[in-house]
Amino acid sequence: MATPSVLDPAPLLANGFKGQLLRDGDPGYDEARAVFNGMIDKHPGLVVRPAGTSDVVDAVGYARDRGLPVAVRCGGHSVAGKAVVDDGVLIDLRSLKGTHVDPQRRTARANGGVLWGEYDRETQLHGLVTPGGRVTTTGIGGFTLGGGYGWLSTTYGLACDNLLSADVVTADGRVVTASEDENPDLLWGLRGGGGNFGVVTSYELRVHPLGPIVMAGLIPHAMDGAGEVARAYRDLVERSPEQLCTGIAVILAPPEPWVPAEAVGKPAFGIVAIWAGDPDEGREGLAELRAIGSPVADLVQPMPYTAFQSMLDGFAPTGWRNYTTGEHMTALTDDAIDTFLEHGSRIESPMSQAIIFRHGGAISRVPEDATAAGHRAAPYMLHPIACWQDPSEDARHVGWARSMSEAMRPFTTGGVYLNFEPDEGEAHLRSGFDADKFQRLVELKDTWDPQNLFRVNQNIRPSAAAVPGQVRRE
């Protein structure tokens, strides 16, 4: 491994920087550069932990003046490892915490380093929610900027649909607001275009009444008969109200009290569900789903919304190696179900999962051109998650996820959800957007970041016509 570059922090300190600066060899440096995916091993030249927006402005200027790449970290969950960079500047926003909820306006303002579990804790004090990450350690930043499909999205839309405004540090070091009234073009790009246009230090999000108690949980089934259960599930959810938010999954049965001893470690099928409404109404709303087949157990019950949101945390250990994809589906046909179950049953790691999320509803009601996030008409999303520890097993586990994606390709739209995708080049990146939308994003990049300072992401490169140094000024 090459020796990482070590950058001189003196110019930042001379400018009045108030946060923390870490270089290779400093206590905390290795913790700061470690991200969720254990396959990623990058060494930034300088880690910047800002105390406020002014420190972010200084860090951006420091990187820009030296031609250094900039990575921005919140939760660090990018499977492609985009939350860290070799030899460049890592702006670690985890130092910027805090969420303020305004119950009267139905909004919440969260700083750029807030994780979804932290955000939910604050909003649930008021019985309010925003569709968020399905793992509590997911950062609000990358999740929202990449679109943001959560359990509640069929009812309340994507996280980016609920983004009302954002404070952004631009490539030339200005602090601007993106909203429907100020820089609306930038807001359009932030709603699904990723971190291509600046560093967001604060998010204003719409919140909706739900909780603190919800009717939700897991309905596990044996693999025998899973095909019939999945077909009945499909037929039900496609005629159900949007308040019924669901997904289906294949996992290796964990050593839990509800799992028969002989079934532990073997493939199992499950339905995950939450009723986005009054829990008493949820009993009736979930009754038909719970009556499908002969489940091994019925774990649907009144529970805190925060408990439901953390339900998958045990399957998402930080530092394990992982590889995932996210592909929009045209339909959940009988053949798609059979193929999904066949490949799902080949899982070999206790932390791997094969998931299909039910979408539609509020997601598909938003006009396709209203946000950078696209592929809204897709009624389902395929999400294989390979998660393992031993580096010598990389090929086997990555191969499983890829083989499932390939086998399911006839049932997909050809579009991908980039938050779940590895970095596989520009052609693959383009499949996250339609052609017109991608061109609009390039034009936005030309306007706000013509030198491509913010390129450590699912990168939309500026066009050859972009003029370096000519950044939009209001």
Protein backbone atom coordinates (compact mmCIF):
# COMPACT_ATOMS: atom_id res chain seq x y z
CA MET A 1 0.00 0.00 0.00
CA ALA A 2 1.30 3.45 -0.93
CA THR A 3 2.18 5.83 1.89
CA PRO A 4 -0.74 8.26 2.25
CA SER A 5 -0.11 11.93 1.65
CA VAL A 6 -0.07 14.04 4.81
CA LEU A 7 -1.36 17.56 4.29
CA ASP A 8 -0.15 20.61 6.20
CA PRO A 9 -3.03 21.97 8.31
CA ALA A 10 -1.27 25.25 9.14
CA PRO A 11 -3.18 27.35 6.57
CA LEU A 12 -6.49 26.24 8.06
CA LEU A 13 -5.37 26.95 11.60
CA ALA A 14 -4.06 30.38 10.58
CA ASN A 15 -7.52 31.21 9.24
CA GLY A 16 -9.17 30.70 12.64
CA PHE A 17 -10.37 27.09 12.20
CA LYS A 18 -12.21 25.97 15.37
CA GLY A 19 -12.82 22.28 14.75
CA GLN A 20 -10.54 19.23 14.82
CA LEU A 21 -7.90 18.27 12.26
CA LEU A 22 -6.52 14.73 11.96
CA ARG A 23 -3.64 13.36 9.91
CA ASP A 24 -2.20 9.88 9.52
CA GLY A 25 -0.69 8.86 12.85
CA ASP A 26 -2.90 11.11 14.95
CA PRO A 27 -5.15 9.50 17.60
CA GLY A 28 -8.57 9.00 16.06
CA TYR A 29 -7.38 9.14 12.45
CA ASP A 30 -8.04 5.48 11.70
CA GLU A 31 -11.48 5.65 13.30
CA ALA A 32 -12.29 8.73 11.24
CA ARG A 33 -11.34 7.12 7.93
CA ALA A 34 -13.15 3.81 8.62
CA VAL A 35 -16.54 3.60 6.91
CA PHE A 36 -19.44 1.16 7.04
CA ASN A 37 -18.15 -1.06 4.22
CA GLY A 38 -15.09 -2.97 5.44
CA MET A 39 -13.90 -3.43 1.85
CA ILE A 40 -12.99 0.27 1.73
CA ASP A 41 -9.50 1.18 3.00
CA LYS A 42 -8.65 4.77 2.03
CA HIS A 43 -6.27 7.24 3.64
CA PRO A 44 -7.20 10.92 3.43
CA GLY A 45 -4.39 13.43 3.65
CA LEU A 46 -6.40 15.47 6.14
CA VAL A 47 -9.58 14.81 8.10
CA VAL A 48 -11.55 17.94 8.96
CA ARG A 49 -14.11 17.79 11.74
CA PRO A 50 -15.79 21.19 11.58
CA ALA A 51 -17.23 23.04 14.55
CA GLY A 52 -19.58 24.96 12.27
CA THR A 53 -20.27 26.10 8.74
CA SER A 54 -17.31 28.51 8.72
CA ASP A 55 -14.97 25.57 9.18
CA VAL A 56 -16.60 23.82 6.23
CA VAL A 57 -16.07 26.93 4.10
CA ASP A 58 -12.39 26.98 5.09
CA ALA A 59 -11.97 23.26 4.34
CA VAL A 60 -13.56 23.63 0.91
CA GLY A 61 -11.30 26.59 0.13
CA TYR A 62 -8.22 24.70 1.35
CA ALA A 63 -9.00 21.78 -0.98
CA ARG A 64 -9.97 23.99 -3.91
CA ASP A 65 -6.82 26.09 -3.76
CA ARG A 66 -4.64 22.96 -3.78
CA GLY A 67 -6.61 20.99 -6.36
CA LEU A 68 -7.42 18.25 -3.85
CA PRO A 69 -10.43 15.92 -3.99
CA VAL A 70 -13.04 16.39 -1.25
CA ALA A 71 -15.01 13.60 0.40
CA VAL A 72 -17.97 14.38 2.67
CA ARG A 73 -18.97 11.98 5.41
CA CYS A 74 -22.11 11.73 7.49
CA GLY A 75 -23.13 8.11 8.12
CA GLY A 76 -20.48 6.59 5.86
CA HIS A 77 -22.88 3.97 4.47
CA SER A 78 -22.02 4.38 0.78
CA VAL A 79 -21.32 0.86 -0.46
CA ALA A 80 -19.08 2.44 -3.10
CA GLY A 81 -16.93 4.01 -0.37
CA LYS A 82 -17.68 7.60 -1.36
CA ALA A 83 -17.53 8.85 2.24
CA VAL A 84 -13.72 8.80 2.28
CA VAL A 85 -10.90 9.62 -0.15
CA ASP A 86 -7.23 8.79 -0.69
CA ASP A 87 -4.82 11.71 -0.17
CA GLY A 88 -7.50 14.41 -0.34
CA VAL A 89 -9.59 16.22 2.28
CA LEU A 90 -12.27 14.35 4.22
CA ILE A 91 -14.90 16.67 5.71
CA ASP A 92 -16.34 14.58 8.54
CA LEU A 93 -19.71 16.12 9.33
CA ARG A 94 -20.36 13.84 12.29
CA SER A 95 -19.20 16.76 14.45
CA LEU A 96 -22.25 18.77 13.33
CA LYS A 97 -25.15 17.36 15.34
CA GLY A 98 -28.49 18.71 16.44
CA THR A 99 -32.11 18.54 15.28
CA HIS A 100 -34.77 21.16 16.00
CA VAL A 101 -38.40 20.21 15.47
CA ASP A 102 -41.17 22.75 14.89
CA PRO A 103 -44.42 20.84 15.50
CA GLN A 104 -46.60 23.79 14.49
CA ARG A 105 -44.96 24.22 11.07
CA ARG A 106 -44.48 20.44 10.70
CA THR A 107 -40.79 20.87 9.90
CA ALA A 108 -37.49 19.71 11.36
CA ARG A 109 -34.07 21.32 10.88
CA ALA A 110 -31.17 18.88 11.16
CA ASN A 111 -27.47 19.57 10.93
CA GLY A 112 -25.37 17.75 8.37
CA GLY A 113 -23.90 15.11 10.69
CA VAL A 114 -27.18 13.76 12.07
CA LEU A 115 -27.95 10.05 11.68
CA TRP A 116 -31.47 8.78 11.10
CA GLY A 117 -31.69 7.16 14.53
CA GLU A 118 -30.79 10.49 16.10
CA TYR A 119 -33.26 12.35 13.90
CA ASP A 120 -36.08 9.90 14.71
CA ARG A 121 -35.39 10.24 18.43
CA GLU A 122 -36.04 13.98 18.25
CA THR A 123 -39.02 13.96 15.89
CA GLN A 124 -40.72 11.16 17.82
CA LEU A 125 -40.86 13.35 20.91
CA HIS A 126 -43.63 15.09 18.96
CA GLY A 127 -45.08 12.01 17.25
CA LEU A 128 -43.65 13.11 13.89
CA VAL A 129 -41.62 11.36 11.19
CA THR A 130 -39.83 11.85 7.90
CA PRO A 131 -39.28 8.78 5.66
CA GLY A 132 -35.75 7.77 6.64
CA GLY A 133 -33.08 5.11 6.44
CA ARG A 134 -33.95 1.54 7.29
CA VAL A 135 -30.79 1.30 9.41
CA THR A 136 -30.45 3.88 12.19
CA THR A 137 -26.75 4.60 11.57
CA THR A 138 -27.51 5.83 8.03
CA GLY A 139 -26.71 9.53 7.66
CA ILE A 140 -29.49 11.91 6.70
CA GLY A 141 -27.18 13.53 4.13
CA GLY A 142 -26.28 10.88 1.60
CA PHE A 143 -29.65 9.21 2.06
CA THR A 144 -31.65 12.36 1.31
CA LEU A 145 -29.41 13.73 -1.43
CA GLY A 146 -29.51 10.38 -3.22
CA GLY A 147 -33.32 10.20 -3.15
CA GLY A 148 -34.12 8.38 0.05
CA TYR A 149 -36.38 5.32 -0.14
CA GLY A 150 -37.61 4.43 3.36
CA TRP A 151 -40.29 2.18 4.81
CA LEU A 152 -42.77 5.04 4.85
CA SER A 153 -42.13 6.27 1.31
CA THR A 154 -45.28 4.74 -0.17
CA THR A 155 -47.23 6.99 2.21
CA TYR A 156 -45.05 10.11 2.55
CA GLY A 157 -42.75 10.02 -0.49
CA LEU A 158 -38.97 9.92 -0.71
CA ALA A 159 -36.83 11.75 1.81
CA CYS A 160 -35.85 14.19 -0.94
CA ASP A 161 -39.53 14.90 -1.62
CA ASN A 162 -39.68 16.12 1.97
CA LEU A 163 -36.58 18.32 1.65
CA LEU A 164 -37.85 21.90 1.93
CA SER A 165 -34.55 23.75 2.01
CA ALA A 166 -30.84 23.22 2.54
CA ASP A 167 -27.84 25.33 3.52
CA VAL A 168 -25.04 24.58 1.07
CA VAL A 169 -21.35 25.45 0.97
CA THR A 170 -20.57 25.83 -2.73
CA ALA A 171 -17.38 25.08 -4.63
CA ASP A 172 -16.30 28.73 -4.48
CA GLY A 173 -16.83 28.88 -0.71
CA ARG A 174 -20.13 30.73 -0.51
CA VAL A 175 -22.98 29.68 1.77
CA VAL A 176 -26.30 29.65 -0.08
CA THR A 177 -29.82 28.48 0.65
CA ALA A 178 -31.55 26.14 -1.74
CA SER A 179 -35.35 26.26 -1.53
CA GLU A 180 -38.37 26.76 -3.75
CA ASP A 181 -37.81 30.52 -3.39
CA GLU A 182 -34.01 30.71 -3.43
CA ASN A 183 -31.90 28.80 -5.95
CA PRO A 184 -34.73 26.42 -6.87
CA ASP A 185 -32.57 24.82 -9.55
CA LEU A 186 -30.08 23.80 -6.88
CA LEU A 187 -32.86 22.38 -4.70
CA TRP A 188 -34.03 20.34 -7.71
CA GLY A 189 -30.54 18.85 -8.03
CA LEU A 190 -30.18 18.18 -4.30
CA ARG A 191 -33.38 16.16 -4.44
CA GLY A 192 -31.72 13.04 -5.84
CA GLY A 193 -28.54 14.28 -7.53
CA GLY A 194 -26.26 13.31 -4.66
CA GLY A 195 -23.40 15.34 -3.26
CA ASN A 196 -22.37 16.74 -6.62
CA PHE A 197 -23.18 20.39 -6.00
CA GLY A 198 -21.78 21.31 -2.59
CA VAL A 199 -21.56 20.43 1.09
CA VAL A 200 -24.95 20.55 2.80
CA THR A 201 -24.54 21.65 6.40
CA SER A 202 -28.24 21.84 7.32
CA TYR A 203 -31.46 20.25 6.09
CA GLU A 204 -35.03 21.47 6.57
CA LEU A 205 -37.39 18.53 6.22
CA ARG A 206 -41.15 18.11 6.28
CA VAL A 207 -42.47 15.89 9.07
CA HIS A 208 -45.71 13.90 9.26
CA PRO A 209 -47.79 12.69 12.21
CA LEU A 210 -46.99 9.09 13.14
CA GLY A 211 -46.03 7.38 16.38
CA PRO A 212 -44.66 7.13 18.90
CA ILE A 213 -46.47 3.76 18.81
CA VAL A 214 -47.08 2.04 15.47
CA MET A 215 -48.45 -1.31 14.40
CA ALA A 216 -45.53 -3.06 12.72
CA GLY A 217 -43.20 -6.02 12.67
CA LEU A 218 -42.00 -9.16 10.93
CA ILE A 219 -44.02 -12.14 9.75
CA PRO A 220 -41.55 -15.03 9.21
CA HIS A 221 -42.36 -18.07 7.07
CA ALA A 222 -40.55 -21.28 6.23
CA MET A 223 -39.05 -21.46 2.73
CA ASP A 224 -41.37 -24.37 1.92
CA GLY A 225 -44.42 -22.70 0.46
CA ALA A 226 -42.74 -19.29 0.24
CA GLY A 227 -43.76 -18.98 -3.41
CA GLU A 228 -47.46 -19.19 -2.59
CA VAL A 229 -47.02 -16.77 0.30
CA ALA A 230 -45.16 -14.27 -1.91
CA ARG A 231 -47.87 -14.45 -4.59
CA ALA A 232 -50.60 -13.85 -2.02
CA TYR A 233 -48.54 -10.97 -0.61
CA ARG A 234 -48.25 -9.39 -4.06
CA ASP A 235 -51.94 -9.72 -4.80
CA LEU A 236 -52.74 -8.10 -1.46
CA VAL A 237 -50.34 -5.14 -1.51
CA GLU A 238 -51.31 -4.19 -5.06
CA ARG A 239 -54.86 -3.50 -3.90
CA SER A 240 -54.04 -2.17 -0.44
CA PRO A 241 -54.02 1.44 0.77
CA GLU A 242 -50.77 3.37 0.83
CA GLN A 243 -50.62 3.17 4.62
CA LEU A 244 -49.57 -0.47 4.27
CA CYS A 245 -45.78 -0.20 3.82
CA THR A 246 -44.01 -3.49 3.21
CA GLY A 247 -41.18 -5.53 1.85
CA ILE A 248 -40.30 -9.22 1.52
CA ALA A 249 -36.95 -10.79 2.30
CA VAL A 250 -34.95 -14.00 2.39
CA ILE A 251 -32.45 -14.31 5.24
CA LEU A 252 -30.69 -17.06 7.15
CA ALA A 253 -32.87 -17.63 10.20
CA PRO A 254 -31.20 -16.11 13.28
CA PRO A 255 -30.95 -17.80 16.69
CA GLU A 256 -34.04 -16.09 18.07
CA PRO A 257 -36.64 -17.59 20.44
CA TRP A 258 -39.26 -17.69 17.67
CA VAL A 259 -37.00 -19.75 15.36
CA PRO A 260 -37.14 -23.54 15.76
CA ALA A 261 -33.69 -24.89 16.63
CA GLU A 262 -33.55 -27.00 13.49
CA ALA A 263 -34.24 -23.93 11.30
CA VAL A 264 -31.45 -21.70 12.65
CA GLY A 265 -28.94 -20.81 9.94
CA LYS A 266 -31.19 -21.99 7.12
CA PRO A 267 -32.96 -19.79 4.55
CA ALA A 268 -36.23 -18.28 5.73
CA PHE A 269 -38.76 -16.02 4.07
CA GLY A 270 -40.29 -13.01 5.77
CA ILE A 271 -42.70 -10.13 5.28
CA VAL A 272 -41.85 -6.81 6.93
CA ALA A 273 -44.73 -4.40 7.43
CA ILE A 274 -45.69 -1.15 9.12
CA TRP A 275 -49.04 0.61 9.08
CA ALA A 276 -48.46 4.35 8.52
CA GLY A 277 -51.39 5.47 10.60
CA ASP A 278 -53.25 4.92 13.83
CA PRO A 279 -52.12 1.61 15.40
CA ASP A 280 -55.69 0.59 16.15
CA GLU A 281 -56.57 1.03 12.49
CA GLY A 282 -53.38 -0.87 11.73
CA ARG A 283 -54.71 -4.00 13.40
CA GLU A 284 -57.40 -4.18 10.76
CA GLY A 285 -55.14 -2.89 7.99
CA LEU A 286 -52.56 -5.62 8.65
CA ALA A 287 -54.98 -8.44 9.45
CA GLU A 288 -55.18 -9.88 5.94
CA LEU A 289 -51.41 -9.76 5.52
CA ARG A 290 -50.93 -11.62 8.80
CA ALA A 291 -53.43 -14.27 7.71
CA ILE A 292 -51.45 -15.32 4.63
CA GLY A 293 -50.15 -18.89 4.81
CA SER A 294 -48.93 -20.49 8.02
CA PRO A 295 -46.24 -18.21 9.46
CA VAL A 296 -43.61 -19.57 11.82
CA ALA A 297 -44.45 -16.67 14.12
CA ASP A 298 -46.33 -13.38 14.04
CA LEU A 299 -44.15 -10.59 15.38
CA VAL A 300 -46.46 -7.77 14.28
CA GLN A 301 -47.52 -5.80 17.34
CA PRO A 302 -47.80 -2.27 18.69
CA MET A 303 -44.24 -1.00 19.12
CA PRO A 304 -42.34 2.27 19.24
CA TYR A 305 -41.63 3.61 15.77
CA THR A 306 -37.97 3.89 16.79
CA ALA A 307 -37.93 0.15 17.58
CA PHE A 308 -39.28 -0.66 14.14
CA GLN A 309 -36.70 1.61 12.51
CA SER A 310 -33.88 -0.19 14.32
CA MET A 311 -35.19 -3.68 13.50
CA LEU A 312 -32.60 -4.32 10.78
CA ASP A 313 -29.64 -2.83 12.66
CA GLY A 314 -28.49 -6.29 13.71
CA PHE A 315 -28.08 -7.22 10.04
CA ALA A 316 -25.90 -4.15 9.37
CA PRO A 317 -22.69 -4.51 11.39
CA THR A 318 -20.26 -1.65 10.77
CA GLY A 319 -16.96 -2.78 9.31
CA TRP A 320 -18.16 -5.99 7.68
CA ARG A 321 -17.48 -6.30 3.99
CA ASN A 322 -20.53 -5.65 1.85
CA TYR A 323 -21.72 -5.40 -1.70
CA THR A 324 -25.22 -4.37 -2.72
CA THR A 325 -27.30 -3.30 -5.69
CA GLY A 326 -30.63 -1.50 -6.01
CA GLU A 327 -32.65 -2.10 -9.18
CA HIS A 328 -36.11 -0.86 -10.04
CA MET A 329 -38.57 -3.55 -11.08
CA THR A 330 -41.34 -3.45 -13.68
CA ALA A 331 -43.58 -5.86 -11.75
CA LEU A 332 -43.51 -8.73 -9.27
CA THR A 333 -44.54 -11.52 -11.62
CA ASP A 334 -44.73 -15.20 -10.75
CA ASP A 335 -41.44 -15.77 -12.59
CA ALA A 336 -39.82 -12.88 -10.71
CA ILE A 337 -40.94 -14.38 -7.39
CA ASP A 338 -39.59 -17.82 -8.29
CA THR A 339 -36.26 -16.40 -9.43
CA PHE A 340 -35.96 -14.22 -6.34
CA LEU A 341 -36.61 -17.14 -4.00
CA GLU A 342 -34.29 -19.48 -5.87
CA HIS A 343 -31.33 -17.11 -5.67
CA GLY A 344 -32.26 -15.85 -2.22
CA SER A 345 -32.09 -19.38 -0.86
CA ARG A 346 -28.39 -19.47 -1.84
CA ILE A 347 -27.40 -16.95 0.85
CA GLU A 348 -24.29 -18.12 2.71
CA SER A 349 -23.66 -15.39 5.29
CA PRO A 350 -25.86 -14.79 8.36
CA MET A 351 -25.78 -11.04 7.61
CA SER A 352 -26.68 -11.27 3.91
CA GLN A 353 -30.23 -10.56 2.77
CA ALA A 354 -32.26 -10.56 -0.40
CA ILE A 355 -35.01 -7.94 -0.29
CA ILE A 356 -37.78 -6.64 -2.51
CA PHE A 357 -39.39 -3.39 -1.37
CA ARG A 358 -42.93 -2.43 -2.35
CA HIS A 359 -43.02 1.10 -3.79
CA GLY A 360 -45.58 3.13 -5.74
CA GLY A 361 -48.07 5.26 -3.83
CA ALA A 362 -46.74 8.67 -2.88
CA ILE A 363 -43.45 7.96 -4.69
CA SER A 364 -45.12 7.58 -8.06
CA ARG A 365 -47.49 10.54 -7.59
CA VAL A 366 -44.61 13.02 -7.78
CA PRO A 367 -44.05 14.05 -11.42
CA GLU A 368 -40.95 12.45 -12.91
CA ASP A 369 -39.36 15.79 -13.75
CA ALA A 370 -40.10 17.40 -10.37
CA THR A 371 -36.86 16.17 -8.76
CA ALA A 372 -33.53 14.72 -9.81
CA ALA A 373 -34.63 11.42 -8.24
CA GLY A 374 -36.28 9.34 -10.92
CA HIS A 375 -37.72 5.96 -11.94
CA ARG A 376 -40.75 6.82 -9.82
CA ALA A 377 -43.19 4.59 -11.70
CA ALA A 378 -41.40 1.39 -10.64
CA PRO A 379 -43.67 -0.56 -8.28
CA TYR A 380 -40.88 -2.55 -6.59
CA MET A 381 -37.13 -2.44 -5.95
CA LEU A 382 -34.73 -5.38 -5.78
CA HIS A 383 -32.00 -5.04 -3.15
CA PRO A 384 -29.60 -7.97 -2.63
CA ILE A 385 -27.21 -7.32 0.27
CA ALA A 386 -24.07 -9.42 0.57
CA CYS A 387 -22.39 -8.95 3.96
CA TRP A 388 -19.45 -11.04 5.23
CA GLN A 389 -16.17 -10.80 7.14
CA ASP A 390 -13.44 -12.90 5.49
CA PRO A 391 -11.63 -11.12 2.62
CA SER A 392 -10.80 -14.47 1.08
CA GLU A 393 -14.54 -14.96 0.47
CA ASP A 394 -15.02 -11.72 -1.48
CA ALA A 395 -15.54 -13.38 -4.85
CA ARG A 396 -18.11 -15.82 -3.49
CA HIS A 397 -20.32 -13.26 -1.78
CA VAL A 398 -20.02 -10.56 -4.42
CA GLY A 399 -20.77 -13.27 -6.98
CA TRP A 400 -23.98 -14.18 -5.16
CA ALA A 401 -25.28 -10.61 -5.24
CA ARG A 402 -24.30 -10.14 -8.87
CA SER A 403 -25.83 -13.43 -9.93
CA MET A 404 -29.12 -12.50 -8.27
CA SER A 405 -29.12 -9.13 -10.03
CA GLU A 406 -28.37 -10.77 -13.36
CA ALA A 407 -31.06 -13.42 -12.93
CA MET A 408 -33.62 -10.74 -11.99
CA ARG A 409 -32.69 -8.42 -14.87
CA PRO A 410 -35.62 -9.50 -17.10
CA PHE A 411 -37.96 -8.15 -14.42
CA THR A 412 -36.25 -4.75 -13.99
CA THR A 413 -36.64 -1.42 -15.75
CA GLY A 414 -32.92 -1.01 -16.43
CA GLY A 415 -32.84 1.85 -13.93
CA VAL A 416 -30.85 1.72 -10.69
CA TYR A 417 -30.98 3.45 -7.31
CA LEU A 418 -27.48 4.85 -6.96
CA ASN A 419 -27.51 4.98 -3.15
CA PHE A 420 -27.42 1.17 -3.18
CA GLU A 421 -25.00 0.80 -6.10
CA PRO A 422 -21.23 0.35 -6.42
CA ASP A 423 -19.30 2.76 -8.64
CA GLU A 424 -19.12 1.09 -12.04
CA GLY A 425 -18.46 4.02 -14.35
CA GLU A 426 -20.43 6.71 -16.14
CA ALA A 427 -22.57 4.36 -18.25
CA HIS A 428 -23.80 2.74 -15.06
CA LEU A 429 -24.25 6.14 -13.41
CA ARG A 430 -26.48 7.26 -16.26
CA SER A 431 -28.87 4.39 -15.53
CA GLY A 432 -29.82 6.22 -12.35
CA PHE A 433 -31.54 8.91 -14.47
CA ASP A 434 -33.29 9.28 -17.80
CA ALA A 435 -31.39 11.07 -20.58
CA ASP A 436 -33.10 14.46 -20.19
CA LYS A 437 -32.63 14.45 -16.44
CA PHE A 438 -28.97 13.50 -16.72
CA GLN A 439 -28.38 16.36 -19.14
CA ARG A 440 -30.06 18.78 -16.76
CA LEU A 441 -27.81 17.53 -13.95
CA VAL A 442 -24.72 18.10 -16.10
CA GLU A 443 -25.89 21.66 -16.78
CA LEU A 444 -26.41 22.15 -13.05
CA LYS A 445 -22.91 20.84 -12.41
CA ASP A 446 -21.57 23.31 -14.98
CA THR A 447 -23.28 26.09 -13.05
CA TRP A 448 -22.37 25.18 -9.48
CA ASP A 449 -19.16 23.12 -9.71
CA PRO A 450 -17.53 23.55 -13.14
CA GLN A 451 -14.13 22.33 -11.85
CA ASN A 452 -15.66 19.17 -10.35
CA LEU A 453 -14.27 19.84 -6.90
CA PHE A 454 -17.05 17.62 -5.48
CA ARG A 455 -16.23 14.45 -7.39
CA VAL A 456 -15.96 11.87 -4.61
CA ASN A 457 -19.53 10.67 -5.11
CA GLN A 458 -21.61 9.03 -7.81
CA ASN A 459 -20.08 11.74 -9.93
CA ILE A 460 -21.86 13.79 -12.55
CA ARG A 461 -18.97 15.38 -14.39
CA PRO A 462 -19.26 18.91 -15.76
CA SER A 463 -19.34 19.21 -19.52
CA ALA A 464 -16.37 20.17 -21.65
CA ALA A 465 -18.10 23.53 -22.12
CA ALA A 466 -17.96 24.30 -18.38
CA VAL A 467 -15.78 27.34 -17.65
CA PRO A 468 -13.53 26.83 -14.61
CA GLY A 469 -14.01 29.55 -12.01
CA GLN A 470 -17.37 30.71 -13.33
CA VAL A 471 -19.67 29.59 -10.56
CA ARG A 472 -23.18 30.93 -10.42
CA ARG A 473 -23.64 33.98 -8.21
CA GLU A 474 -27.01 35.30 -7.20
